[in-house]
C-alpha cells in the first residue's frame, strides 16, 4: 500500500472545503430567511460578495479549481443574502465596499502582480468581519447571525490553509489563516450576544 502524498491529501481537503463552505453559506441564508436580518451587517456581506468575484478570477488564473468553484458556487447565495439586506437603501455602504475592494486589490496588483492583489484582498477580507463585530456590539438583537455558521467558517478556513500549503499558495494561506481568526472572533461575539438575549450571565 502506497502512502498518500501531502499534495494529494491537500487536494482532497480542498474539495472538502468547497463542499463545507457551500453548506455554511446555505445555512446562513436559511437562518436569515427564518429569523430575519436584525444584527446582520450589510457592509460585511457586500464585501464578502465582491471578494468572491475576486477569488473566482484568481482561482481560474492560478488553475486552482477548488478555490474558483468554491467562490463561484457561494456567490449566488451571498447575492441572495445581500438582496435581503436591501442594499439599495444604503447605497453609500455599497460604494464604500466597492471602493475598498478596488483599492485593496487593484493598487497592490498593479504594483506587485497577483501576490500583491492577494495580500490586498486578504486585508479586505479580514476587514469584512469588522462591521459584523460592530453590529453585534451595538444591536440588542442578532437573531439573523449564527454562531455555529461562523464557527463552521473557521473550520473551513483551516481546511483551506491545508489546501494552500499543498498548492504552495503561501500568500493566500497567510491571509486565510488571519481571516479565519477574525471569523472566530465573530463567532465568539455572536455567542456572547445570544447569551445576553437569553438573559444568561456572560462569561
N, C-alpha and C. Protein backbone atom coordinates (compact mmCIF):
# COMPACT_ATOMS: atom_id res chain seq x y z
N UNK A 1 0.85 -1.19 0.00
CA UNK A 1 0.00 0.00 0.00
C UNK A 1 0.89 1.25 0.00
N UNK A 2 0.61 2.14 -0.92
CA UNK A 2 1.39 3.36 -1.03
C UNK A 2 0.78 4.44 -0.14
N UNK A 3 1.65 5.18 0.54
CA UNK A 3 1.20 6.29 1.38
C UNK A 3 0.70 7.43 0.49
N UNK A 4 -0.34 8.07 0.94
CA UNK A 4 -0.89 9.20 0.19
C UNK A 4 0.02 10.40 0.39
N UNK A 5 0.42 11.04 -0.71
CA UNK A 5 1.30 12.20 -0.60
C UNK A 5 0.53 13.38 -0.02
N UNK A 6 1.29 14.33 0.54
CA UNK A 6 0.65 15.51 1.12
C UNK A 6 -0.07 16.31 0.04
N UNK A 7 0.50 16.35 -1.17
CA UNK A 7 -0.14 17.08 -2.27
C UNK A 7 -1.51 16.50 -2.59
N UNK A 8 -1.59 15.17 -2.63
CA UNK A 8 -2.87 14.51 -2.90
C UNK A 8 -3.85 14.74 -1.75
N UNK A 9 -3.34 14.62 -0.53
CA UNK A 9 -4.18 14.84 0.65
C UNK A 9 -4.73 16.26 0.66
N UNK A 10 -3.88 17.25 0.39
CA UNK A 10 -4.32 18.65 0.42
C UNK A 10 -5.33 18.93 -0.68
N UNK A 11 -5.18 18.26 -1.82
CA UNK A 11 -6.15 18.42 -2.90
C UNK A 11 -7.53 17.93 -2.47
N UNK A 12 -7.56 16.78 -1.82
CA UNK A 12 -8.83 16.23 -1.32
C UNK A 12 -9.42 17.14 -0.24
N UNK A 13 -8.56 17.68 0.61
CA UNK A 13 -9.02 18.61 1.64
C UNK A 13 -9.62 19.86 0.99
N UNK A 14 -9.02 20.30 -0.11
CA UNK A 14 -9.55 21.45 -0.83
C UNK A 14 -10.97 21.22 -1.32
N UNK A 15 -11.22 20.03 -1.86
CA UNK A 15 -12.58 19.72 -2.32
C UNK A 15 -13.55 19.62 -1.15
N UNK A 16 -13.07 19.11 -0.01
CA UNK A 16 -13.92 19.07 1.20
C UNK A 16 -14.27 20.49 1.64
N UNK A 17 -13.29 21.40 1.53
CA UNK A 17 -13.54 22.80 1.88
C UNK A 17 -14.59 23.41 0.96
N UNK A 18 -14.58 23.03 -0.31
CA UNK A 18 -15.59 23.52 -1.26
C UNK A 18 -16.99 23.11 -0.79
N UNK A 19 -17.15 21.85 -0.44
CA UNK A 19 -18.46 21.33 -0.03
C UNK A 19 -18.92 21.99 1.27
N UNK A 20 -18.05 22.00 2.28
CA UNK A 20 -18.44 22.54 3.58
C UNK A 20 -18.66 24.04 3.53
N UNK A 21 -17.86 24.75 2.73
CA UNK A 21 -18.05 26.19 2.60
C UNK A 21 -19.39 26.53 1.96
N UNK A 22 -19.79 25.73 0.98
CA UNK A 22 -21.09 25.94 0.34
C UNK A 22 -22.23 25.66 1.32
N UNK A 23 -22.09 24.59 2.10
CA UNK A 23 -23.12 24.26 3.09
C UNK A 23 -23.23 25.36 4.16
N UNK A 24 -22.09 25.94 4.54
CA UNK A 24 -22.11 27.01 5.53
C UNK A 24 -22.85 28.23 5.01
N UNK A 25 -22.61 28.58 3.74
CA UNK A 25 -23.30 29.72 3.15
C UNK A 25 -24.81 29.45 3.07
N UNK A 26 -25.18 28.22 2.72
CA UNK A 26 -26.61 27.86 2.67
C UNK A 26 -27.24 27.94 4.05
N UNK A 27 -26.50 27.52 5.06
CA UNK A 27 -27.04 27.55 6.42
C UNK A 27 -27.29 28.99 6.87
N UNK A 28 -26.37 29.89 6.54
CA UNK A 28 -26.55 31.29 6.92
C UNK A 28 -27.75 31.90 6.19
N UNK A 29 -27.90 31.57 4.91
CA UNK A 29 -29.03 32.09 4.14
C UNK A 29 -30.36 31.56 4.71
N UNK A 30 -30.39 30.26 5.06
CA UNK A 30 -31.60 29.67 5.62
C UNK A 30 -31.96 30.33 6.95
N UNK A 31 -30.95 30.65 7.75
CA UNK A 31 -31.21 31.29 9.04
C UNK A 31 -31.78 32.69 8.83
N UNK A 32 -31.26 33.41 7.85
CA UNK A 32 -31.80 34.75 7.55
C UNK A 32 -33.26 34.67 7.13
N UNK A 33 -33.60 33.66 6.34
CA UNK A 33 -34.98 33.51 5.90
C UNK A 33 -35.90 33.21 7.08
N UNK A 34 -35.40 32.44 8.06
CA UNK A 34 -36.23 32.06 9.21
C UNK A 34 -36.34 33.17 10.23
N UNK A 35 -35.23 33.84 10.51
CA UNK A 35 -35.18 34.75 11.66
C UNK A 35 -35.08 36.23 11.31
N UNK A 36 -34.88 36.57 10.05
CA UNK A 36 -34.78 37.98 9.69
C UNK A 36 -33.34 38.48 9.68
N UNK A 37 -33.18 39.78 9.42
CA UNK A 37 -31.86 40.35 9.18
C UNK A 37 -31.36 41.21 10.33
N UNK A 38 -32.06 41.22 11.44
CA UNK A 38 -31.65 42.05 12.57
C UNK A 38 -30.25 41.65 13.04
N UNK A 39 -29.34 42.65 13.12
CA UNK A 39 -27.99 42.40 13.59
C UNK A 39 -27.03 41.92 12.52
N UNK A 40 -27.49 41.75 11.27
CA UNK A 40 -26.64 41.30 10.17
C UNK A 40 -26.09 42.52 9.45
N UNK A 41 -24.78 42.54 9.20
CA UNK A 41 -24.12 43.71 8.63
C UNK A 41 -24.16 43.70 7.10
N UNK A 42 -24.72 44.76 6.53
CA UNK A 42 -24.72 44.93 5.07
C UNK A 42 -23.30 45.08 4.55
N UNK A 43 -22.48 45.85 5.26
CA UNK A 43 -21.10 46.07 4.82
C UNK A 43 -20.33 44.76 4.73
N UNK A 44 -20.50 43.90 5.73
CA UNK A 44 -19.80 42.62 5.74
C UNK A 44 -20.18 41.78 4.53
N UNK A 45 -21.48 41.66 4.25
CA UNK A 45 -21.91 40.81 3.15
C UNK A 45 -21.65 41.43 1.79
N UNK A 46 -21.64 42.74 1.70
CA UNK A 46 -21.27 43.40 0.44
C UNK A 46 -19.80 43.11 0.12
N UNK A 47 -18.93 43.21 1.13
CA UNK A 47 -17.52 42.94 0.92
C UNK A 47 -17.28 41.47 0.60
N UNK A 48 -17.95 40.57 1.32
CA UNK A 48 -17.79 39.15 1.05
C UNK A 48 -18.20 38.79 -0.37
N UNK A 49 -19.28 39.41 -0.84
CA UNK A 49 -19.76 39.15 -2.20
C UNK A 49 -18.77 39.64 -3.24
N UNK A 50 -18.27 40.85 -3.08
CA UNK A 50 -17.29 41.41 -4.02
C UNK A 50 -16.01 40.59 -4.02
N UNK A 51 -15.58 40.15 -2.85
CA UNK A 51 -14.35 39.37 -2.77
C UNK A 51 -14.51 37.98 -3.38
N UNK A 52 -15.73 37.45 -3.37
CA UNK A 52 -15.96 36.17 -4.03
C UNK A 52 -15.70 36.27 -5.53
N UNK A 53 -16.05 37.42 -6.10
CA UNK A 53 -15.75 37.65 -7.52
C UNK A 53 -14.24 37.63 -7.74
N UNK A 54 -13.51 38.33 -6.86
CA UNK A 54 -12.05 38.37 -6.98
C UNK A 54 -11.45 36.98 -6.87
N UNK A 55 -11.87 36.21 -5.86
CA UNK A 55 -11.28 34.89 -5.64
C UNK A 55 -11.63 33.92 -6.77
N UNK A 56 -12.79 34.11 -7.38
CA UNK A 56 -13.14 33.28 -8.54
C UNK A 56 -12.17 33.54 -9.69
N UNK A 57 -11.92 34.81 -9.97
CA UNK A 57 -10.99 35.18 -11.04
C UNK A 57 -9.57 34.70 -10.72
N UNK A 58 -9.17 34.91 -9.47
CA UNK A 58 -7.83 34.48 -9.06
C UNK A 58 -7.68 32.96 -9.16
N UNK A 59 -8.68 32.23 -8.70
CA UNK A 59 -8.62 30.77 -8.77
C UNK A 59 -8.47 30.27 -10.19
N UNK A 60 -9.20 30.87 -11.12
CA UNK A 60 -9.09 30.48 -12.52
C UNK A 60 -7.70 30.80 -13.05
N UNK A 61 -7.18 31.98 -12.71
CA UNK A 61 -5.86 32.39 -13.21
C UNK A 61 -4.75 31.48 -12.71
N UNK A 62 -4.92 30.93 -11.50
CA UNK A 62 -3.91 30.05 -10.91
C UNK A 62 -4.21 28.57 -11.12
N UNK A 63 -5.26 28.28 -11.87
CA UNK A 63 -5.71 26.91 -12.09
C UNK A 63 -6.01 26.19 -10.78
N UNK A 64 -6.45 26.97 -9.81
CA UNK A 64 -6.88 26.41 -8.53
C UNK A 64 -8.39 26.25 -8.60
N UNK A 65 -8.82 25.12 -9.13
CA UNK A 65 -10.24 24.95 -9.41
C UNK A 65 -11.06 24.82 -8.15
N UNK A 66 -10.47 24.34 -7.07
CA UNK A 66 -11.20 24.29 -5.81
C UNK A 66 -11.59 25.69 -5.36
N UNK A 67 -10.62 26.60 -5.40
CA UNK A 67 -10.88 27.98 -4.98
C UNK A 67 -11.88 28.65 -5.91
N UNK A 68 -11.69 28.47 -7.22
CA UNK A 68 -12.58 29.10 -8.20
C UNK A 68 -14.01 28.60 -8.05
N UNK A 69 -14.18 27.29 -7.92
CA UNK A 69 -15.52 26.72 -7.80
C UNK A 69 -16.17 27.11 -6.48
N UNK A 70 -15.39 27.05 -5.40
CA UNK A 70 -15.94 27.42 -4.09
C UNK A 70 -16.48 28.84 -4.09
N UNK A 71 -15.71 29.76 -4.67
CA UNK A 71 -16.12 31.17 -4.71
C UNK A 71 -17.32 31.37 -5.64
N UNK A 72 -17.30 30.70 -6.79
CA UNK A 72 -18.38 30.87 -7.76
C UNK A 72 -19.69 30.28 -7.25
N UNK A 73 -19.61 29.13 -6.55
CA UNK A 73 -20.82 28.47 -6.08
C UNK A 73 -21.49 29.26 -4.95
N UNK A 74 -20.68 29.85 -4.07
CA UNK A 74 -21.26 30.60 -2.95
C UNK A 74 -21.73 31.99 -3.35
N UNK A 75 -21.30 32.48 -4.51
CA UNK A 75 -21.66 33.83 -4.94
C UNK A 75 -23.17 34.05 -5.04
N UNK A 76 -23.94 33.12 -5.66
CA UNK A 76 -25.39 33.33 -5.71
C UNK A 76 -26.04 33.40 -4.33
N UNK A 77 -25.55 32.58 -3.39
CA UNK A 77 -26.09 32.62 -2.03
C UNK A 77 -25.77 33.95 -1.36
N UNK A 78 -24.56 34.46 -1.56
CA UNK A 78 -24.19 35.75 -1.00
C UNK A 78 -25.02 36.88 -1.60
N UNK A 79 -25.29 36.78 -2.90
CA UNK A 79 -26.14 37.79 -3.55
C UNK A 79 -27.55 37.74 -2.98
N UNK A 80 -28.03 36.53 -2.67
CA UNK A 80 -29.37 36.40 -2.09
C UNK A 80 -29.43 37.04 -0.70
N UNK A 81 -28.37 36.81 0.09
CA UNK A 81 -28.30 37.44 1.41
C UNK A 81 -28.24 38.95 1.27
N UNK A 82 -27.43 39.41 0.32
CA UNK A 82 -27.28 40.85 0.09
C UNK A 82 -28.62 41.47 -0.29
N UNK A 83 -29.38 40.79 -1.12
CA UNK A 83 -30.68 41.31 -1.54
C UNK A 83 -31.62 41.46 -0.34
N UNK A 84 -31.59 40.49 0.57
CA UNK A 84 -32.45 40.57 1.76
C UNK A 84 -32.06 41.74 2.67
N UNK A 85 -30.82 42.17 2.58
CA UNK A 85 -30.37 43.30 3.40
C UNK A 85 -30.72 44.65 2.77
N UNK A 86 -31.40 44.62 1.61
CA UNK A 86 -31.89 45.82 0.92
C UNK A 86 -30.78 46.86 0.71
N UNK A 87 -29.76 46.50 -0.08
CA UNK A 87 -28.62 47.40 -0.27
C UNK A 87 -28.98 48.71 -0.95
N UNK A 88 -30.08 48.72 -1.73
CA UNK A 88 -30.47 49.95 -2.42
C UNK A 88 -30.85 51.06 -1.45
N UNK A 89 -31.14 50.70 -0.21
CA UNK A 89 -31.50 51.72 0.78
C UNK A 89 -30.26 52.33 1.44
N UNK A 90 -29.10 51.71 1.20
CA UNK A 90 -27.85 52.21 1.77
C UNK A 90 -26.75 52.16 0.71
N UNK A 91 -26.94 52.96 -0.34
CA UNK A 91 -26.02 52.92 -1.47
C UNK A 91 -24.60 53.34 -1.08
N UNK A 92 -24.51 54.20 -0.08
CA UNK A 92 -23.18 54.66 0.36
C UNK A 92 -22.34 53.49 0.87
N UNK A 93 -22.97 52.54 1.55
CA UNK A 93 -22.25 51.37 2.04
C UNK A 93 -21.70 50.55 0.88
N UNK A 94 -22.51 50.39 -0.16
CA UNK A 94 -22.06 49.63 -1.33
C UNK A 94 -20.91 50.32 -2.03
N UNK A 95 -20.99 51.64 -2.16
CA UNK A 95 -19.93 52.40 -2.82
C UNK A 95 -18.62 52.27 -2.03
N UNK A 96 -18.72 52.38 -0.71
CA UNK A 96 -17.53 52.26 0.12
C UNK A 96 -16.94 50.85 0.04
N UNK A 97 -17.80 49.84 0.02
CA UNK A 97 -17.33 48.46 -0.08
C UNK A 97 -16.62 48.23 -1.41
N UNK A 98 -17.22 48.72 -2.48
CA UNK A 98 -16.60 48.58 -3.81
C UNK A 98 -15.27 49.32 -3.85
N UNK A 99 -15.25 50.51 -3.28
CA UNK A 99 -14.02 51.29 -3.26
C UNK A 99 -12.91 50.59 -2.50
N UNK A 100 -13.26 49.99 -1.36
CA UNK A 100 -12.27 49.28 -0.56
C UNK A 100 -11.67 48.11 -1.33
N UNK A 101 -12.53 47.33 -1.98
CA UNK A 101 -12.04 46.17 -2.73
C UNK A 101 -11.17 46.59 -3.91
N UNK A 102 -11.60 47.63 -4.63
CA UNK A 102 -10.81 48.10 -5.78
C UNK A 102 -9.45 48.61 -5.33
N UNK A 103 -9.44 49.43 -4.29
CA UNK A 103 -8.18 49.97 -3.80
C UNK A 103 -7.28 48.86 -3.25
N UNK A 104 -7.87 47.93 -2.49
CA UNK A 104 -7.10 46.87 -1.87
C UNK A 104 -6.50 45.91 -2.89
N UNK A 105 -7.26 45.61 -3.94
CA UNK A 105 -6.81 44.61 -4.92
C UNK A 105 -6.09 45.23 -6.11
N UNK A 106 -6.64 46.32 -6.65
CA UNK A 106 -6.10 46.88 -7.88
C UNK A 106 -4.75 47.55 -7.65
N UNK A 107 -4.66 48.37 -6.60
CA UNK A 107 -3.41 49.08 -6.35
C UNK A 107 -2.23 48.14 -6.14
N UNK A 108 -2.30 47.26 -5.14
CA UNK A 108 -1.20 46.31 -4.94
C UNK A 108 -1.00 45.38 -6.13
N UNK A 109 -2.09 45.06 -6.85
CA UNK A 109 -1.97 44.19 -8.01
C UNK A 109 -1.15 44.83 -9.12
N UNK A 110 -1.36 46.11 -9.35
CA UNK A 110 -0.59 46.81 -10.37
C UNK A 110 0.88 46.93 -9.97
N UNK A 111 1.12 47.04 -8.67
CA UNK A 111 2.49 47.22 -8.20
C UNK A 111 3.26 45.90 -8.11
N UNK A 112 2.60 44.83 -7.62
CA UNK A 112 3.31 43.58 -7.34
C UNK A 112 2.66 42.36 -7.97
N UNK A 113 1.73 42.55 -8.88
CA UNK A 113 1.11 41.41 -9.54
C UNK A 113 0.11 40.70 -8.65
N UNK A 114 -0.14 39.42 -8.95
CA UNK A 114 -1.15 38.67 -8.22
C UNK A 114 -0.84 38.57 -6.73
N UNK A 115 0.45 38.49 -6.39
CA UNK A 115 0.81 38.38 -4.97
C UNK A 115 0.33 39.59 -4.19
N UNK A 116 0.53 40.78 -4.78
CA UNK A 116 0.07 42.00 -4.13
C UNK A 116 -1.44 42.07 -4.05
N UNK A 117 -2.11 41.65 -5.14
CA UNK A 117 -3.57 41.67 -5.15
C UNK A 117 -4.14 40.72 -4.10
N UNK A 118 -3.50 39.56 -3.93
CA UNK A 118 -3.96 38.58 -2.95
C UNK A 118 -3.83 39.13 -1.53
N UNK A 119 -2.68 39.75 -1.25
CA UNK A 119 -2.50 40.34 0.08
C UNK A 119 -3.54 41.43 0.33
N UNK A 120 -3.77 42.27 -0.70
CA UNK A 120 -4.79 43.32 -0.56
C UNK A 120 -6.17 42.75 -0.34
N UNK A 121 -6.50 41.70 -1.10
CA UNK A 121 -7.81 41.06 -0.94
C UNK A 121 -7.92 40.41 0.43
N UNK A 122 -6.81 39.87 0.91
CA UNK A 122 -6.81 39.28 2.24
C UNK A 122 -7.06 40.30 3.33
N UNK A 123 -6.44 41.47 3.19
CA UNK A 123 -6.68 42.54 4.16
C UNK A 123 -8.14 42.97 4.13
N UNK A 124 -8.68 43.12 2.90
CA UNK A 124 -10.09 43.48 2.77
C UNK A 124 -10.98 42.41 3.37
N UNK A 125 -10.60 41.13 3.16
CA UNK A 125 -11.38 40.03 3.72
C UNK A 125 -11.40 40.05 5.24
N UNK A 126 -10.27 40.39 5.83
CA UNK A 126 -10.20 40.50 7.28
C UNK A 126 -11.09 41.64 7.77
N UNK A 127 -11.06 42.75 7.02
CA UNK A 127 -11.87 43.91 7.40
C UNK A 127 -13.36 43.63 7.26
N UNK A 128 -13.74 42.63 6.44
CA UNK A 128 -15.17 42.33 6.28
C UNK A 128 -15.80 41.92 7.60
N UNK A 129 -15.00 41.35 8.48
CA UNK A 129 -15.54 40.90 9.76
C UNK A 129 -15.80 42.06 10.72
N UNK A 130 -15.08 43.16 10.53
CA UNK A 130 -15.19 44.29 11.47
C UNK A 130 -16.60 44.86 11.56
N UNK A 131 -17.29 45.15 10.42
CA UNK A 131 -18.66 45.68 10.54
C UNK A 131 -19.61 44.74 11.28
N UNK A 132 -19.44 43.42 11.07
CA UNK A 132 -20.31 42.47 11.77
C UNK A 132 -20.03 42.49 13.27
N UNK A 133 -18.76 42.64 13.64
CA UNK A 133 -18.42 42.74 15.06
C UNK A 133 -19.06 43.98 15.68
N UNK A 134 -18.99 45.09 14.97
CA UNK A 134 -19.59 46.34 15.47
C UNK A 134 -21.09 46.19 15.60
N UNK A 135 -21.72 45.55 14.58
CA UNK A 135 -23.17 45.34 14.63
C UNK A 135 -23.57 44.49 15.82
N UNK A 136 -22.77 43.49 16.12
CA UNK A 136 -23.07 42.62 17.26
C UNK A 136 -22.92 43.36 18.59
N UNK A 137 -22.00 44.30 18.64
CA UNK A 137 -21.80 45.06 19.87
C UNK A 137 -22.89 46.11 20.06
N UNK A 138 -23.42 46.63 18.95
CA UNK A 138 -24.38 47.73 19.03
C UNK A 138 -25.83 47.27 19.14
N UNK A 139 -26.17 46.19 18.46
CA UNK A 139 -27.57 45.79 18.38
C UNK A 139 -28.01 45.05 19.64
N UNK A 140 -29.31 45.10 19.90
CA UNK A 140 -29.87 44.36 21.03
C UNK A 140 -30.37 42.98 20.60
N UNK A 141 -30.50 42.79 19.28
CA UNK A 141 -30.97 41.51 18.75
C UNK A 141 -30.08 41.14 17.58
N UNK A 142 -29.64 39.91 17.54
CA UNK A 142 -28.80 39.44 16.43
C UNK A 142 -29.23 38.04 16.03
N UNK A 143 -30.55 37.86 15.90
CA UNK A 143 -31.08 36.52 15.61
C UNK A 143 -30.72 36.04 14.21
N UNK A 144 -30.39 36.98 13.31
CA UNK A 144 -30.04 36.57 11.95
C UNK A 144 -28.60 36.09 11.82
N UNK A 145 -27.82 36.25 12.88
CA UNK A 145 -26.41 35.86 12.86
C UNK A 145 -26.26 34.53 13.59
N UNK A 146 -25.58 33.59 12.98
CA UNK A 146 -25.44 32.26 13.55
C UNK A 146 -24.02 32.01 14.04
N UNK A 147 -23.88 31.76 15.34
CA UNK A 147 -22.56 31.43 15.89
C UNK A 147 -22.02 30.14 15.28
N UNK A 148 -22.92 29.18 15.07
CA UNK A 148 -22.48 27.90 14.51
C UNK A 148 -21.98 28.07 13.08
N UNK A 149 -22.64 28.95 12.30
CA UNK A 149 -22.20 29.18 10.92
C UNK A 149 -20.82 29.81 10.87
N UNK A 150 -20.59 30.79 11.76
CA UNK A 150 -19.28 31.44 11.79
C UNK A 150 -18.21 30.47 12.32
N UNK A 151 -18.58 29.62 13.27
CA UNK A 151 -17.63 28.61 13.75
C UNK A 151 -17.31 27.63 12.64
N UNK A 152 -18.32 27.26 11.88
CA UNK A 152 -18.13 26.40 10.72
C UNK A 152 -17.16 27.06 9.75
N UNK A 153 -17.30 28.38 9.57
CA UNK A 153 -16.41 29.11 8.67
C UNK A 153 -14.96 29.02 9.14
N UNK A 154 -14.76 29.01 10.45
CA UNK A 154 -13.41 28.86 10.99
C UNK A 154 -12.83 27.50 10.59
N UNK A 155 -13.64 26.45 10.72
CA UNK A 155 -13.20 25.12 10.33
C UNK A 155 -12.88 25.04 8.85
N UNK A 156 -13.71 25.68 8.02
CA UNK A 156 -13.47 25.69 6.57
C UNK A 156 -12.17 26.43 6.26
N UNK A 157 -11.92 27.52 6.98
CA UNK A 157 -10.66 28.26 6.79
C UNK A 157 -9.46 27.37 7.08
N UNK A 158 -9.58 26.55 8.13
CA UNK A 158 -8.49 25.63 8.47
C UNK A 158 -8.24 24.63 7.34
N UNK A 159 -9.31 24.15 6.72
CA UNK A 159 -9.17 23.23 5.59
C UNK A 159 -8.48 23.92 4.41
N UNK A 160 -8.86 25.17 4.17
CA UNK A 160 -8.22 25.92 3.08
C UNK A 160 -6.74 26.13 3.33
N UNK A 161 -6.37 26.35 4.59
CA UNK A 161 -4.95 26.52 4.93
C UNK A 161 -4.16 25.27 4.54
N UNK A 162 -4.73 24.09 4.84
CA UNK A 162 -4.06 22.84 4.46
C UNK A 162 -3.95 22.74 2.94
N UNK A 163 -5.04 23.09 2.24
CA UNK A 163 -5.01 23.02 0.77
C UNK A 163 -3.97 23.96 0.20
N UNK A 164 -3.92 25.20 0.69
CA UNK A 164 -2.97 26.18 0.16
C UNK A 164 -1.54 25.76 0.43
N UNK A 165 -1.31 25.08 1.56
CA UNK A 165 0.04 24.58 1.85
C UNK A 165 0.45 23.56 0.79
N UNK A 166 -0.46 22.67 0.44
CA UNK A 166 -0.16 21.67 -0.58
C UNK A 166 0.00 22.28 -1.96
N UNK A 167 -0.74 23.37 -2.23
CA UNK A 167 -0.66 24.02 -3.53
C UNK A 167 0.44 25.08 -3.59
N UNK A 168 1.13 25.30 -2.46
CA UNK A 168 2.21 26.29 -2.37
C UNK A 168 1.72 27.71 -2.67
N UNK A 169 0.50 28.01 -2.24
CA UNK A 169 -0.05 29.36 -2.38
C UNK A 169 0.10 30.05 -1.02
N UNK A 170 1.31 30.50 -0.72
CA UNK A 170 1.65 30.95 0.62
C UNK A 170 0.96 32.24 1.02
N UNK A 171 0.85 33.18 0.08
CA UNK A 171 0.20 34.46 0.42
C UNK A 171 -1.26 34.24 0.79
N UNK A 172 -1.95 33.39 0.02
CA UNK A 172 -3.35 33.10 0.31
C UNK A 172 -3.47 32.34 1.64
N UNK A 173 -2.52 31.49 1.91
CA UNK A 173 -2.53 30.73 3.16
C UNK A 173 -2.52 31.67 4.37
N UNK A 174 -1.62 32.65 4.33
CA UNK A 174 -1.48 33.56 5.46
C UNK A 174 -2.75 34.38 5.67
N UNK A 175 -3.28 34.96 4.59
CA UNK A 175 -4.47 35.81 4.75
C UNK A 175 -5.69 34.99 5.15
N UNK A 176 -5.75 33.73 4.69
CA UNK A 176 -6.86 32.87 5.08
C UNK A 176 -6.79 32.53 6.56
N UNK A 177 -5.59 32.28 7.05
CA UNK A 177 -5.43 31.98 8.47
C UNK A 177 -5.86 33.16 9.34
N UNK A 178 -5.47 34.36 8.93
CA UNK A 178 -5.84 35.55 9.70
C UNK A 178 -7.35 35.80 9.61
N UNK A 179 -7.92 35.63 8.41
CA UNK A 179 -9.36 35.80 8.25
C UNK A 179 -10.13 34.78 9.07
N UNK A 180 -9.60 33.56 9.16
CA UNK A 180 -10.24 32.54 9.99
C UNK A 180 -10.25 32.94 11.46
N UNK A 181 -9.17 33.58 11.90
CA UNK A 181 -9.12 34.07 13.28
C UNK A 181 -10.17 35.15 13.50
N UNK A 182 -10.35 36.02 12.49
CA UNK A 182 -11.37 37.07 12.60
C UNK A 182 -12.76 36.46 12.64
N UNK A 183 -12.98 35.40 11.86
CA UNK A 183 -14.28 34.70 11.90
C UNK A 183 -14.53 34.10 13.27
N UNK A 184 -13.47 33.61 13.90
CA UNK A 184 -13.61 33.07 15.25
C UNK A 184 -14.06 34.16 16.23
N UNK A 185 -13.53 35.37 16.04
CA UNK A 185 -13.93 36.49 16.89
C UNK A 185 -15.41 36.80 16.71
N UNK A 186 -15.90 36.75 15.46
CA UNK A 186 -17.32 36.97 15.20
C UNK A 186 -18.16 35.89 15.86
N UNK A 187 -17.71 34.63 15.77
CA UNK A 187 -18.45 33.53 16.39
C UNK A 187 -18.55 33.72 17.90
N UNK A 188 -17.45 34.15 18.52
CA UNK A 188 -17.45 34.36 19.97
C UNK A 188 -18.39 35.51 20.34
N UNK A 189 -18.35 36.60 19.58
CA UNK A 189 -19.24 37.73 19.86
C UNK A 189 -20.70 37.34 19.66
N UNK A 190 -20.97 36.52 18.65
CA UNK A 190 -22.34 36.08 18.40
C UNK A 190 -22.85 35.23 19.56
N UNK A 191 -22.00 34.33 20.06
CA UNK A 191 -22.39 33.53 21.20
C UNK A 191 -22.64 34.38 22.44
N UNK A 192 -21.80 35.38 22.63
CA UNK A 192 -21.98 36.31 23.76
C UNK A 192 -23.29 37.05 23.66
N UNK A 193 -23.61 37.56 22.44
CA UNK A 193 -24.86 38.29 22.24
C UNK A 193 -26.05 37.36 22.47
N UNK A 194 -25.95 36.11 22.03
CA UNK A 194 -27.04 35.15 22.22
C UNK A 194 -27.29 34.91 23.71
N UNK A 195 -26.21 34.82 24.49
CA UNK A 195 -26.37 34.62 25.94
C UNK A 195 -27.07 35.81 26.59
N UNK A 196 -26.70 37.01 26.13
CA UNK A 196 -27.35 38.20 26.66
C UNK A 196 -28.83 38.23 26.33
N UNK A 197 -29.16 37.80 25.11
CA UNK A 197 -30.56 37.77 24.68
C UNK A 197 -31.38 36.78 25.51
N UNK A 198 -30.72 35.70 25.95
CA UNK A 198 -31.43 34.70 26.77
C UNK A 198 -31.45 35.10 28.24
N UNK A 199 -30.74 36.18 28.56
CA UNK A 199 -30.72 36.65 29.94
C UNK A 199 -29.74 35.93 30.81
N UNK A 200 -28.84 35.11 30.17
CA UNK A 200 -27.85 34.38 30.94
C UNK A 200 -26.66 35.28 31.23
N UNK A 201 -25.99 35.12 32.34
CA UNK A 201 -24.82 35.94 32.63
C UNK A 201 -23.68 35.64 31.66
N UNK A 202 -23.03 36.69 31.16
CA UNK A 202 -21.92 36.48 30.25
C UNK A 202 -20.69 36.00 31.00
N UNK A 203 -19.82 35.28 30.28
CA UNK A 203 -18.62 34.74 30.92
C UNK A 203 -17.54 35.79 30.96
